């Protein structure tokens, strides 16, 4: 392979990987938020159970 082609493939791989890694981090954060919301709802339900 030519050096230019290798450089192009490397840059393309990096540009593709960065958004995917950021999306994984964002998804993990959303999962934590949803989990905390569920815990708050459960706590409220237990508190208001007769």
Protein backbone atom coordinates (compact mmCIF):
# COMPACT_ATOMS: atom_id res chain seq x y z
CA UNK A 1 0.00 0.00 0.00
CA UNK A 2 1.12 3.50 -0.58
CA UNK A 3 1.86 5.71 2.37
CA UNK A 4 -0.93 8.13 1.44
CA UNK A 5 -3.48 5.31 1.32
CA UNK A 6 -2.32 3.99 4.71
CA UNK A 7 -2.56 7.46 6.22
CA UNK A 8 -6.05 7.91 4.78
CA UNK A 9 -7.22 4.58 6.22
CA UNK A 10 -5.73 5.40 9.62
CA UNK A 11 -7.41 8.80 9.74
CA UNK A 12 -10.72 7.27 8.64
CA UNK A 13 -10.48 4.64 11.38
CA UNK A 14 -9.75 7.29 14.02
CA UNK A 15 -12.55 9.56 12.84
CA UNK A 16 -14.94 6.61 12.99
CA UNK A 17 -13.78 5.38 16.40
CA UNK A 18 -14.04 8.70 18.25
CA UNK A 19 -17.83 9.19 17.86
CA UNK A 20 -18.44 5.51 18.66
CA UNK A 21 -16.46 5.78 21.89
CA UNK A 22 -18.26 9.00 22.81
CA UNK A 23 -21.60 7.32 22.17
CA UNK A 24 -20.69 4.46 24.50
CA UNK A 25 -19.84 6.95 27.24
CA UNK A 26 -23.10 8.84 26.67
CA UNK A 27 -25.12 5.62 26.76
CA UNK A 28 -23.48 4.60 30.03
CA UNK A 29 -24.35 7.98 31.52
CA UNK A 30 -27.95 7.66 30.39
CA UNK A 31 -28.11 4.20 31.96
CA UNK A 32 -26.92 5.60 35.28
CA UNK A 33 -29.51 8.40 35.14
CA UNK A 34 -32.31 5.94 34.38
CA UNK A 35 -31.15 3.67 37.19
CA UNK A 36 -31.16 6.54 39.70
CA UNK A 37 -34.62 7.60 38.55
CA UNK A 38 -35.88 4.05 39.07
CA UNK A 39 -34.40 3.97 42.58
CA UNK A 40 -36.08 7.29 43.42
CA UNK A 41 -39.45 6.01 42.19
CA UNK A 42 -39.04 2.80 44.17
CA UNK A 43 -38.09 4.73 47.31
CA UNK A 44 -41.13 6.99 46.90
CA UNK A 45 -43.42 3.99 46.38
CA UNK A 46 -42.12 2.32 49.54
CA UNK A 47 -42.52 5.57 51.47
CA UNK A 48 -46.14 6.03 50.35
CA UNK A 49 -47.28 2.41 50.73
CA UNK A 50 -49.97 2.18 53.42
